[in-house]
Protein backbone atom coordinates (compact mmCIF):
# COMPACT_ATOMS: atom_id res chain seq x y z
CA UNK A 1 120.96 133.09 43.92
CA UNK A 2 121.37 133.82 40.13
CA UNK A 3 123.96 136.76 41.17
CA UNK A 4 125.86 134.46 43.52
CA UNK A 5 126.53 131.79 40.70
CA UNK A 6 127.41 134.62 38.22
CA UNK A 7 129.86 136.14 40.75
CA UNK A 8 131.67 132.54 41.43
CA UNK A 9 131.65 131.96 37.86
CA UNK A 10 133.45 135.13 36.80
CA UNK A 11 136.09 134.78 39.82
CA UNK A 12 136.61 131.20 39.16
CA UNK A 13 137.34 131.91 35.59
CA UNK A 14 139.69 134.58 36.48
CA UNK A 15 141.72 132.40 38.72
CA UNK A 16 141.95 129.60 35.86
CA UNK A 17 142.97 131.90 33.43
CA UNK A 18 145.81 133.28 35.50
CA UNK A 19 146.67 129.68 36.16
CA UNK A 20 146.81 128.56 32.78
CA UNK A 21 148.82 131.42 31.68
CA UNK A 22 151.50 130.42 34.19
CA UNK A 23 151.24 126.76 33.29
CA UNK A 24 151.37 127.53 29.38
CA UNK A 25 154.58 129.89 30.14
CA UNK A 26 156.41 127.31 32.10
CA UNK A 27 155.62 124.61 29.33
CA UNK A 28 157.08 126.90 26.74
CA UNK A 29 160.01 127.84 28.78
CA UNK A 30 160.68 123.80 29.23
CA UNK A 31 160.26 123.42 25.53
CA UNK A 32 162.85 126.25 24.89
CA UNK A 33 165.39 124.86 27.21
CA UNK A 34 164.86 121.38 25.54
CA UNK A 35 165.24 123.06 22.15
CA UNK A 36 168.41 125.06 23.22
CA UNK A 37 169.86 121.94 24.63
CA UNK A 38 169.34 120.03 21.62
CA UNK A 39 170.80 122.73 19.52
CA UNK A 40 173.94 123.43 21.70
CA UNK A 41 174.32 119.75 22.06
CA UNK A 42 174.82 119.70 17.93
CA UNK A 43 177.25 122.41 18.10
CA UNK A 44 179.33 121.31 20.82
CA UNK A 45 179.71 118.11 18.87
CA UNK A 46 180.55 119.54 15.72
CA UNK A 47 183.21 121.57 17.62
CA UNK A 48 184.48 118.56 19.13
CA UNK A 49 184.68 116.79 16.05
CA UNK A 50 186.71 119.23 14.42
CA UNK A 51 189.60 118.11 16.93
CA UNK A 52 189.26 114.39 15.53
CA UNK A 53 189.28 115.88 11.82
CA UNK A 54 192.39 118.19 12.59
CA UNK A 55 194.08 114.90 13.79
CA UNK A 56 193.06 112.71 10.76
CA UNK A 57 194.24 115.35 8.40
CA UNK A 58 197.64 115.24 9.99
CA UNK A 59 197.78 111.57 10.19
CA UNK A 60 196.78 111.05 6.39
CA UNK A 61 198.82 114.06 5.48
CA UNK A 62 202.11 112.34 7.05
CA UNK A 63 201.03 109.07 5.55
CA UNK A 64 200.69 110.36 2.13
CA UNK A 65 204.29 112.17 2.31
CA UNK A 66 206.17 109.07 3.53
CA UNK A 67 204.60 106.35 2.02
CA UNK A 68 205.92 105.41 -1.28
CA UNK A 69 203.60 102.88 -2.59
CA UNK A 70 200.77 104.03 -5.22
CA UNK A 71 198.32 101.88 -3.65
CA UNK A 72 198.65 103.63 -0.16
CA UNK A 73 199.23 106.95 -1.32
CA UNK A 74 195.76 106.57 -3.43
CA UNK A 75 193.99 105.46 -0.36
CA UNK A 76 195.89 108.21 1.98
CA UNK A 77 194.70 110.62 -0.40
CA UNK A 78 191.10 109.73 -0.57
CA UNK A 79 190.66 109.63 3.22
CA UNK A 80 192.49 113.18 3.44
CA UNK A 81 190.29 114.51 0.89
CA UNK A 82 187.47 113.41 3.16
CA UNK A 83 188.71 114.78 6.30
CA UNK A 84 189.52 118.14 4.86
CA UNK A 85 185.99 118.42 3.26
CA UNK A 86 184.43 117.59 6.63
CA UNK A 87 186.82 119.94 8.65
CA UNK A 88 186.08 122.52 6.24
CA UNK A 89 182.29 121.96 6.66
CA UNK A 90 182.32 121.84 10.41
CA UNK A 91 184.17 125.20 10.46
CA UNK A 92 181.64 126.93 8.16
CA UNK A 93 178.87 125.48 10.16
CA UNK A 94 180.51 127.02 13.36
CA UNK A 95 181.13 130.35 12.10
CA UNK A 96 177.94 130.95 9.93
CA UNK A 97 176.04 134.30 10.04
CA UNK A 98 172.54 135.40 9.71
CA UNK A 99 171.20 138.06 7.17
CA UNK A 100 171.97 140.77 9.32
CA UNK A 101 175.94 139.40 9.39
CA UNK A 102 175.50 138.14 13.18
CA UNK A 103 177.16 134.88 14.00
CA UNK A 104 174.52 132.33 14.87
CA UNK A 105 176.67 130.10 17.05
CA UNK A 106 179.43 132.59 18.63
CA UNK A 107 179.04 135.08 21.20
CA UNK A 108 181.54 137.57 22.03
CA UNK A 109 184.01 135.19 23.69
CA UNK A 110 184.01 132.92 20.68
CA UNK A 111 184.41 135.87 18.24
CA UNK A 112 187.52 137.12 20.03
CA UNK A 113 188.63 133.49 20.09
CA UNK A 114 188.39 132.86 16.24
CA UNK A 115 188.90 136.14 14.85
CA UNK A 116 191.38 138.19 17.28
CA UNK A 117 194.63 137.74 18.19
CA UNK A 118 196.31 136.09 19.96
CA UNK A 119 194.31 132.99 19.22
CA UNK A 120 192.68 133.80 15.85
CA UNK A 121 191.58 130.37 15.53
CA UNK A 122 189.67 131.13 12.11
CA UNK A 123 192.88 132.07 10.32
CA UNK A 124 194.93 129.29 12.08
CA UNK A 125 192.16 126.98 10.38
CA UNK A 126 192.33 128.45 7.16
CA UNK A 127 196.22 127.92 7.04
CA UNK A 128 196.02 124.44 8.03
CA UNK A 129 193.29 123.78 5.29
CA UNK A 130 195.50 125.43 2.84
CA UNK A 131 198.47 123.18 3.58
CA UNK A 132 196.48 120.09 3.35
CA UNK A 133 195.03 121.31 0.02
CA UNK A 134 198.62 121.70 -1.16
CA UNK A 135 199.47 118.14 -0.22
CA UNK A 136 196.61 117.16 -2.19
CA UNK A 137 197.15 119.07 -5.32
CA UNK A 138 200.85 117.81 -5.23
CA UNK A 139 200.89 114.50 -7.13
CA UNK A 140 204.52 113.95 -7.86
CA UNK A 141 206.90 114.97 -5.60
CA UNK A 142 206.35 115.49 -1.53
CA UNK A 143 209.88 116.87 -0.86
CA UNK A 144 208.98 120.51 -1.53
CA UNK A 145 206.08 120.07 0.58
CA UNK A 146 205.82 122.22 3.87
CA UNK A 147 205.59 119.31 6.32
CA UNK A 148 205.80 121.71 9.39
CA UNK A 149 202.23 122.08 9.73
CA UNK A 150 201.70 118.41 10.20
CA UNK A 151 204.43 118.05 13.11
CA UNK A 152 203.48 117.53 16.60
CA UNK A 153 203.78 120.83 18.33
CA UNK A 154 201.96 122.73 15.46
CA UNK A 155 199.11 120.24 15.60
CA UNK A 156 199.18 120.64 19.43
CA UNK A 157 198.59 124.37 19.02
CA UNK A 158 195.64 123.73 16.77
CA UNK A 159 194.06 121.35 18.81
CA UNK A 160 194.47 123.67 21.91
CA UNK A 161 192.49 126.18 20.33
CA UNK A 162 189.91 123.80 19.11
CA UNK A 163 189.62 122.63 22.69
CA UNK A 164 189.37 126.04 23.90
CA UNK A 165 186.62 126.68 21.42
CA UNK A 166 184.75 123.84 22.83
CA UNK A 167 184.97 124.91 26.08
CA UNK A 168 183.72 128.47 25.38
CA UNK A 169 180.74 126.70 23.55
CA UNK A 170 179.90 124.70 26.41
CA UNK A 171 179.97 127.71 28.52
CA UNK A 172 177.76 129.49 26.42
CA UNK A 173 175.24 126.57 26.61
CA UNK A 174 175.26 126.37 30.22
CA UNK A 175 174.90 130.07 30.78
CA UNK A 176 171.53 129.55 28.55
CA UNK A 177 170.31 126.67 30.36
CA UNK A 178 171.12 128.42 33.78
CA UNK A 179 169.07 131.76 32.47
CA UNK A 180 166.36 129.41 31.68
CA UNK A 181 166.25 127.62 34.60
CA UNK A 182 166.53 130.48 36.91
CA UNK A 183 163.47 131.97 34.84
CA UNK A 184 161.61 128.77 35.09
CA UNK A 185 162.20 129.01 38.94
CA UNK A 186 160.84 132.76 38.92
CA UNK A 187 157.95 131.44 37.26
CA UNK A 188 157.09 128.55 39.47
CA UNK A 189 157.48 131.00 42.34
CA UNK A 190 155.30 133.65 40.31
CA UNK A 191 152.72 130.79 40.14
CA UNK A 192 152.63 129.70 43.94
CA UNK A 193 152.40 133.38 44.55
CA UNK A 194 149.27 133.76 42.32
CA UNK A 195 147.91 130.78 43.93
CA UNK A 196 148.31 132.11 47.41
CA UNK A 197 146.90 135.36 46.14
CA UNK A 198 143.94 133.60 44.72
CA UNK A 199 143.42 131.79 47.80
CA UNK A 200 143.20 134.92 49.76
CA UNK A 201 141.59 137.41 47.31
CA UNK A 202 139.40 135.13 44.92
CA UNK A 203 138.58 131.74 47.01
CA UNK A 204 138.50 132.99 50.59
CA UNK A 205 136.20 135.77 49.57
CA UNK A 206 134.09 133.41 47.52
CA UNK A 207 133.79 131.08 50.32
CA UNK A 208 132.69 134.07 52.59
CA UNK A 209 130.19 134.89 49.87
CA UNK A 210 128.99 131.40 49.62
CA UNK A 211 128.58 130.82 53.36
CA UNK A 212 126.90 134.35 53.48
CA UNK A 213 124.41 133.50 50.69
CA UNK A 214 123.87 129.70 52.16
CA UNK A 215 122.92 131.24 55.37
CA UNK A 216 120.92 133.97 53.74
CA UNK A 217 119.01 131.26 51.80
CA UNK A 218 118.78 129.01 54.82
CA UNK A 219 117.36 131.94 56.68
CA UNK A 220 114.70 132.48 53.67
CA UNK A 221 114.02 128.63 53.68
CA UNK A 222 113.27 128.43 57.38
CA UNK A 223 111.08 131.44 57.05
CA UNK A 224 109.35 129.84 53.99
CA UNK A 225 109.07 126.80 56.32
CA UNK A 226 107.50 128.62 59.06
CA UNK A 227 105.09 130.34 56.67
CA UNK A 228 104.03 127.11 55.38
CA UNK A 229 103.36 125.67 58.66
CA UNK A 230 101.62 128.47 59.88
CA UNK A 231 99.64 128.30 56.63
CA UNK A 232 98.91 124.39 57.46
CA UNK A 233 97.88 125.00 61.00
CA UNK A 234 95.75 127.85 59.84
CA UNK A 235 93.92 125.53 57.26
CA UNK A 236 93.66 122.87 60.27
CA UNK A 237 92.70 125.49 63.01
CA UNK A 238 90.05 126.57 60.16
CA UNK A 239 88.72 123.24 59.70
CA UNK A 240 88.52 122.33 63.23
CA UNK A 241 86.76 125.37 64.05
CA UNK A 242 84.08 125.35 61.16
CA UNK A 243 83.45 121.41 61.63
CA UNK A 244 82.94 122.00 65.55
CA UNK A 245 79.74 124.32 64.64
CA UNK A 246 79.04 122.22 61.58
CA UNK A 247 78.31 119.34 63.95
CA UNK A 248 75.90 120.86 65.82
CA UNK A 249 74.07 122.20 62.79
CA UNK A 250 74.14 118.72 61.15
CA UNK A 251 72.93 116.98 64.30
CA UNK A 252 70.09 119.80 64.70
CA UNK A 253 68.89 119.37 61.13
CA UNK A 254 68.88 115.66 61.13
CA UNK A 255 66.97 115.67 64.70
CA UNK A 256 64.06 117.90 63.35
CA UNK A 257 60.62 116.54 63.43
CA UNK A 258 58.81 118.12 60.72
CA UNK A 259 56.35 117.55 58.25
CA UNK A 260 56.40 115.90 54.75
CA UNK A 261 55.92 119.27 53.16
CA UNK A 262 58.99 120.88 54.82
CA UNK A 263 61.26 117.41 53.95
CA UNK A 264 62.59 119.42 51.08
CA UNK A 265 63.65 122.20 52.99
CA UNK A 266 65.47 119.80 55.47
CA UNK A 267 67.06 118.05 52.57
CA UNK A 268 68.00 121.40 51.07
CA UNK A 269 69.40 122.53 54.84
CA UNK A 270 71.52 118.93 54.69
CA UNK A 271 72.63 119.35 51.35
CA UNK A 272 74.32 123.02 52.01
CA UNK A 273 75.98 121.19 55.20
CA UNK A 274 77.67 118.84 53.21
CA UNK A 275 78.80 121.09 50.67
CA UNK A 276 80.45 123.00 53.22
CA UNK A 277 82.17 119.92 54.89
CA UNK A 278 83.22 118.99 51.35
CA UNK A 279 84.81 122.33 50.69
CA UNK A 280 86.65 121.77 53.77
CA UNK A 281 88.05 118.29 52.70
CA UNK A 282 89.00 120.12 49.49
CA UNK A 283 91.18 122.43 51.17
CA UNK A 284 92.78 119.51 53.50
CA UNK A 285 93.58 117.56 50.31
CA UNK A 286 95.04 120.67 48.70
CA UNK A 287 97.27 121.50 51.56
CA UNK A 288 98.20 117.87 51.79
CA UNK A 289 98.95 117.78 48.03
CA UNK A 290 101.07 120.77 48.33
CA UNK A 291 103.41 119.65 51.56
CA UNK A 292 103.37 116.17 49.90
CA UNK A 293 101.67 114.31 52.85
CA UNK A 294 98.72 113.53 50.67
CA UNK A 295 97.96 109.37 50.13
CA UNK A 296 95.37 106.87 49.25
CA UNK A 297 93.68 104.94 52.26
CA UNK A 298 92.44 101.72 50.57
CA UNK A 299 89.47 100.02 52.10
CA UNK A 300 87.05 97.35 51.24
CA UNK A 301 83.71 98.39 50.69
CA UNK A 302 80.44 97.91 48.31
CA UNK A 303 81.13 99.85 45.26
CA UNK A 304 77.31 100.42 44.54
CA UNK A 305 76.51 101.88 48.21
CA UNK A 306 79.62 104.31 47.69
CA UNK A 307 78.26 105.57 44.27
CA UNK A 308 74.67 106.07 45.79
CA UNK A 309 76.31 107.71 48.80
CA UNK A 310 78.07 110.37 46.30
CA UNK A 311 75.16 110.81 44.11
CA UNK A 312 72.19 111.15 46.78
CA UNK A 313 73.11 114.48 48.03
CA UNK A 314 72.74 116.27 44.63
CA UNK A 315 68.98 115.02 44.17
CA UNK A 316 67.96 118.10 45.96
CA UNK A 317 69.92 120.76 44.11
CA UNK A 318 68.75 118.92 40.76
CA UNK A 319 65.19 118.93 42.05
CA UNK A 320 65.54 122.80 43.01
CA UNK A 321 67.12 123.99 39.77
CA UNK A 322 64.74 122.05 37.64
CA UNK A 323 67.15 119.43 36.57
CA UNK A 324 66.55 116.00 35.36
CA UNK A 325 69.11 113.62 37.19
CA UNK A 326 68.94 110.36 35.53
CA UNK A 327 71.17 107.76 37.49
CA UNK A 328 71.75 104.21 35.82
CA UNK A 329 73.98 101.99 38.17
CA UNK A 330 74.43 98.56 36.64
CA UNK A 331 73.89 95.27 39.07
CA UNK A 332 77.76 94.59 38.46
CA UNK A 333 78.62 97.28 40.54
CA UNK A 334 77.06 95.64 43.89
CA UNK A 335 80.16 93.72 44.82
CA UNK A 336 83.05 94.30 47.60
CA UNK A 337 85.99 96.15 45.89
CA UNK A 338 89.21 97.65 47.37
CA UNK A 339 89.88 101.05 46.74
CA UNK A 340 89.75 104.57 48.24
CA UNK A 341 86.29 104.81 48.62
CA UNK A 342 86.30 108.21 50.08
CA UNK A 343 88.24 109.56 47.33
CA UNK A 344 86.26 107.94 44.86
CA UNK A 345 83.25 109.53 46.63
CA UNK A 346 84.99 112.91 46.15
CA UNK A 347 85.50 112.11 42.27
CA UNK A 348 81.97 111.78 41.54
CA UNK A 349 80.49 114.37 43.91
CA UNK A 350 82.99 116.99 42.36
CA UNK A 351 81.96 116.00 38.84
CA UNK A 352 78.16 116.01 39.56
CA UNK A 353 78.38 119.23 41.35
CA UNK A 354 80.08 121.18 38.64
CA UNK A 355 77.32 119.41 36.03
CA UNK A 356 74.71 120.87 38.31
CA UNK A 357 76.41 124.32 38.36
CA UNK A 358 76.67 124.68 34.82
CA UNK A 359 73.58 123.14 33.44
CA UNK A 360 70.78 125.38 32.74
CA UNK A 361 67.13 124.97 34.35
CA UNK A 362 65.16 122.31 32.41
CA UNK A 363 68.31 120.71 31.82
CA UNK A 364 69.51 117.02 32.00
CA UNK A 365 72.20 115.08 33.89
CA UNK A 366 72.94 111.55 33.21
CA UNK A 367 75.01 109.23 35.42
CA UNK A 368 75.78 105.79 34.22
CA UNK A 369 78.22 103.42 35.64
CA UNK A 370 79.13 99.69 35.30
CA UNK A 371 81.90 97.40 35.93
CA UNK A 372 83.20 95.28 32.82
CA UNK A 373 84.88 92.15 33.72
CA UNK A 374 86.19 91.86 37.30
CA UNK A 375 88.15 94.86 37.60
CA UNK A 376 87.25 97.33 35.11
CA UNK A 377 85.12 100.25 36.42
CA UNK A 378 83.49 102.36 33.72
CA UNK A 379 81.68 105.69 34.69
CA UNK A 380 80.14 108.74 32.32
CA UNK A 381 78.47 111.78 33.43
CA UNK A 382 77.13 113.86 30.84
CA UNK A 383 75.34 117.05 31.27
CA UNK A 384 73.67 119.65 28.34
CA UNK A 385 75.10 122.70 29.88
CA UNK A 386 77.11 125.35 27.88
CA UNK A 387 80.45 122.96 27.54
CA UNK A 388 83.59 124.69 27.13
CA UNK A 389 86.12 125.67 24.49
CA UNK A 390 88.81 123.02 25.08
CA UNK A 391 88.96 120.29 27.76
CA UNK A 392 90.72 121.31 30.74
CA UNK A 393 93.31 118.40 30.81
CA UNK A 394 96.23 120.91 31.21
CA UNK A 395 96.03 122.09 35.02
CA UNK A 396 98.13 125.02 34.31
CA UNK A 397 95.77 126.25 31.48
CA UNK A 398 92.92 125.09 33.78
CA UNK A 399 94.35 127.59 36.53
CA UNK A 400 94.83 130.39 33.91
CA UNK A 401 91.69 130.20 32.11
CA UNK A 402 88.72 132.08 33.92
CA UNK A 403 86.03 130.95 31.42
CA UNK A 404 86.72 127.26 32.34
CA UNK A 405 83.54 124.98 32.66
CA UNK A 406 84.74 123.81 36.34
CA UNK A 407 85.31 126.72 38.56
CA UNK A 408 84.25 127.06 42.32
CA UNK A 409 87.18 126.94 44.92
CA UNK A 410 89.57 125.95 41.64
CA UNK A 411 90.84 123.20 43.47
CA UNK A 412 88.05 120.61 42.99
CA UNK A 413 89.08 119.53 39.60
CA UNK A 414 92.95 119.53 40.62
CA UNK A 415 92.20 116.91 43.17
CA UNK A 416 89.87 115.21 40.72
CA UNK A 417 92.47 114.66 38.28
CA UNK A 418 95.12 113.85 40.74
CA UNK A 419 93.20 111.12 42.71
CA UNK A 420 92.33 109.37 39.41
CA UNK A 421 96.04 109.65 38.66
CA UNK A 422 96.86 108.19 42.04
CA UNK A 423 94.16 105.29 41.31
CA UNK A 424 96.28 104.61 38.01
CA UNK A 425 93.11 105.39 36.00
CA UNK A 426 92.01 107.84 33.13
CA UNK A 427 89.59 110.76 33.08
CA UNK A 428 88.46 112.32 29.82
CA UNK A 429 86.52 115.79 29.36
CA UNK A 430 84.71 115.82 25.86
CA UNK A 431 82.05 118.17 24.47
CA UNK A 432 78.78 116.56 24.26
CA UNK A 433 76.56 116.72 21.29
CA UNK A 434 74.73 119.06 20.50
CA UNK A 435 75.93 120.75 23.57
CA UNK A 436 77.11 119.86 27.31
CA UNK A 437 79.95 117.95 28.56
CA UNK A 438 80.79 114.42 28.93
CA UNK A 439 83.33 112.93 31.56
CA UNK A 440 84.48 109.37 31.17
CA UNK A 441 86.22 107.72 34.11
CA UNK A 442 88.22 104.57 33.79
CA UNK A 443 89.35 102.85 36.84
CA UNK A 444 90.86 99.59 37.43
CA UNK A 445 89.63 98.19 40.79
CA UNK A 446 90.53 95.11 42.78
CA UNK A 447 87.42 92.94 43.94
CA UNK A 448 87.57 91.35 47.08
CA UNK A 449 85.39 88.55 48.99
CA UNK A 450 82.45 89.80 50.44
CA UNK A 451 82.97 91.02 54.07
CA UNK A 452 81.52 88.83 56.95
CA UNK A 453 78.52 90.26 58.45
CA UNK A 454 79.83 92.74 61.11
CA UNK A 455 79.31 91.55 64.71
CA UNK A 456 76.27 93.12 66.22
CA UNK A 457 76.91 95.89 68.58
CA UNK A 458 76.82 95.28 72.47
CA UNK A 459 73.26 95.87 73.95
CA UNK A 460 74.63 97.60 77.21
CA UNK A 461 77.41 100.02 77.02
CA UNK A 462 78.51 102.58 79.67
CA UNK A 463 80.56 105.56 77.65
CA UNK A 464 82.63 108.48 78.57
CA UNK A 465 81.99 111.52 76.13
CA UNK A 466 85.08 113.69 76.59
CA UNK A 467 84.09 116.83 74.94
CA UNK A 468 84.81 120.59 75.81
CA UNK A 469 82.08 121.87 73.68
CA UNK A 470 78.48 121.40 75.60
CA UNK A 471 76.45 121.23 72.25
CA UNK A 472 78.96 118.76 70.74
CA UNK A 473 78.81 116.60 74.05
CA UNK A 474 74.89 117.03 73.81
CA UNK A 475 74.51 116.16 70.15
CA UNK A 476 77.15 112.98 70.95
CA UNK A 477 75.18 112.17 74.16
CA UNK A 478 71.67 112.10 72.00
CA UNK A 479 73.27 109.54 69.77
CA UNK A 480 74.69 107.48 72.29
CA UNK A 481 71.09 107.60 74.05
CA UNK A 482 69.44 106.51 70.84
CA UNK A 483 71.56 103.32 70.85
CA UNK A 484 70.34 102.81 74.37
CA UNK A 485 73.59 103.40 75.95
CA UNK A 486 74.30 105.15 79.14
CA UNK A 487 77.16 108.04 79.43
CA UNK A 488 78.96 110.55 81.62
CA UNK A 489 80.40 113.61 80.25
CA UNK A 490 84.02 115.09 81.08
CA UNK A 491 84.68 118.46 79.87
CA UNK A 492 88.55 118.00 79.29
CA UNK A 493 91.23 115.32 79.57
CA UNK A 494 92.09 115.84 83.25
CA UNK A 495 88.52 115.09 84.52
CA UNK A 496 88.25 112.18 82.02
CA UNK A 497 91.39 110.57 83.34
CA UNK A 498 90.09 110.94 86.80
CA UNK A 499 86.66 109.38 85.96
CA UNK A 500 88.46 106.58 83.94
CA UNK A 501 90.44 105.90 87.27
CA UNK A 502 87.31 105.70 89.45
CA UNK A 503 84.81 103.92 87.28
CA UNK A 504 84.73 101.37 84.84
CA UNK A 505 83.77 102.56 81.11
CA UNK A 506 83.11 100.14 78.20
CA UNK A 507 83.73 102.75 75.71
CA UNK A 508 85.71 106.50 75.35
CA UNK A 509 84.70 109.03 73.03
CA UNK A 510 87.61 111.33 72.99
CA UNK A 511 88.10 114.79 71.54
CA UNK A 512 91.68 116.24 70.95
CA UNK A 513 91.58 119.81 71.07
CA UNK A 514 90.57 120.76 74.88
CA UNK A 515 91.58 122.98 77.61
CA UNK A 516 93.62 122.09 80.66
CA UNK A 517 94.43 118.70 79.27
CA UNK A 518 94.27 117.73 75.85
CA UNK A 519 93.10 114.35 74.48
CA UNK A 520 96.60 113.35 73.37
CA UNK A 521 97.83 113.67 77.23
CA UNK A 522 94.50 111.81 78.23
CA UNK A 523 95.25 109.10 76.01
CA UNK A 524 98.74 108.52 76.96
CA UNK A 525 97.66 108.60 80.66
CA UNK A 526 94.85 106.34 80.13
CA UNK A 527 97.08 103.63 78.38
CA UNK A 528 100.45 104.26 79.79
CA UNK A 529 99.89 105.14 83.58
CA UNK A 530 96.68 103.77 84.28
CA UNK A 531 96.88 100.69 82.13
CA UNK A 532 93.52 100.87 80.91
CA UNK A 533 92.50 98.91 77.86
CA UNK A 534 88.88 100.32 77.35
CA UNK A 535 88.17 101.13 73.45
CA UNK A 536 88.86 104.91 72.87
CA UNK A 537 87.18 106.09 69.80
CA UNK A 538 88.56 109.67 68.97
CA UNK A 539 86.08 112.19 67.69
CA UNK A 540 87.81 115.17 66.20
CA UNK A 541 87.71 118.04 63.75
CA UNK A 542 91.54 117.82 63.66
CA UNK A 543 92.42 116.52 60.06
CA UNK A 544 96.17 116.71 60.42
CA UNK A 545 97.65 112.95 59.43
CA UNK A 546 100.55 113.62 62.08
CA UNK A 547 98.18 114.38 64.84
CA UNK A 548 96.20 111.20 63.92
CA UNK A 549 99.22 108.71 63.57
CA UNK A 550 100.09 110.24 67.15
CA UNK A 551 96.93 109.29 68.89
CA UNK A 552 97.09 105.68 67.19
CA UNK A 553 100.74 105.78 68.70
CA UNK A 554 99.63 106.75 72.19
CA UNK A 555 96.85 103.88 71.93
CA UNK A 556 93.69 105.06 70.34
CA UNK A 557 91.59 102.45 68.73
CA UNK A 558 89.80 104.16 66.01
CA UNK A 559 88.80 107.82 64.81
CA UNK A 560 85.91 109.61 63.27
CA UNK A 561 85.65 112.88 61.64
CA UNK A 562 83.34 116.14 62.81
CA UNK A 563 80.70 116.73 61.89
CA UNK A 564 79.36 113.13 62.84
CA UNK A 565 76.10 111.29 62.17
CA UNK A 566 74.52 108.18 63.87
CA UNK A 567 75.23 106.44 60.85
CA UNK A 568 79.00 107.37 61.25
CA UNK A 569 79.08 106.51 64.98
CA UNK A 570 77.38 103.06 64.15
CA UNK A 571 79.88 102.35 61.46
CA UNK A 572 82.68 103.04 63.81
CA UNK A 573 81.35 101.27 66.78
CA UNK A 574 80.66 98.14 64.32
CA UNK A 575 84.16 98.08 63.07
CA UNK A 576 85.76 98.60 66.62
CA UNK A 577 83.61 96.06 68.17
CA UNK A 578 84.03 93.61 65.30
CA UNK A 579 87.74 93.79 65.50
CA UNK A 580 87.62 93.52 69.46
CA UNK A 581 85.63 90.00 68.81
CA UNK A 582 87.99 88.89 66.17
CA UNK A 583 91.15 89.94 68.24
């Protein structure tokens, strides 16, 4: 791209330089033409004035000769003197020479007219001026003055020569102007030619070059988009494939009937499963951050319950490592607030997880939280681990520093900081005394009226479980049976649509990714072809926002992510049937 810009700049500069030179030359020619016209007009004006002065000399000379009154003679003498001086000055101007002896205003034809026979205008002018000066010098008797110089035929001869001089000067001026006009026309034609050459040899190739590079970069962009899309699909597929066995693992662990001495082992297993799910959520969030699809999802729920849900999984990790976990949650937290509770859980869980990771055995982690006023939420998480050299407030330095306190997948801290910023809050990382880390979180949370008690779940439901994985179908069936509901199982969307058309169901659990017919098509048929309004709860490991938006557009009522638990199923059913009772 940089090479393309450099090439275009170079070509453009050459084109502009050529145009600038031609425009400048044309401007100089126009100015020269105007200057020449101005100079030639002055010369022609003086040459024309010479004719008038010669007539004045004859007029005042004759008046001086034939008037006897002293008063008129003095007046005519003065006027004659002025006319002679102007006539001499004009003649000297016309025949002036430069330092090399070249005539400034005369060309070859004018030189011949002024200095060569038969006209010899210069000699004629000098004789005429000499006679006029003799007349001026004579103060007594004009009887002996040669009067032939001022008679009409002699004067006519001088006027003819002066008139011819004017014509020659006009011809000279016209020749100059014509030459410059032709020269200017040539430069105009040259400019047009140059523009045409620039069009074909600069701008046309440049256009092809730009088009070629745009096509090249478009291909690269499309390739990058394909790679990014494939990455998104890979992450989504990986998440889906991991969540499916995790579903079975979670349900199997929860279903274990073990002795009290083994409860710690069960708690450990559940903790490990929850960490795997958290890492999958972390990868999905990172992908959504990269693609610009990440967004908050505000719900109203109890703040104290949300914090307990985030903290409780780490009780085992602290016990296993010999860390004292001190939790002090103020009573002011026991209220309904509107926020992204899932993201808030992720913030708290990520920070505690890192504290557990870097706090030594027999160490201590203290968690305190409270609400100050109606909206201001303050939380402090402090450990006595090794601390860090500098707070990881700069994401770039965080990524480049291999010795940072927060590590793991190297996405957790980035996500925490992004969530806090999106919630318009503040997070601080401080070194504790004498050692360790103190994390301060400040958020503004909007209190909401306490939600009404959810409607009780129906006592009897006949459900359809649409799931291609036998283990997942068995686990979900066990949960449905625990709620004392009956159910049928369909291995794919095609079987599900057939069953839905033949039998009445009160609820459908719909998986999305299935062979033969997927859940998308099955929902579309149930809603739009069969016209059934049975509630549809999507149970999926697919976390793509586009796919979830699509299932809601097709007519699904709610969704839950795998791995599911009995508690998550009960909450989803509570929401589903509460909305049904209100609607």
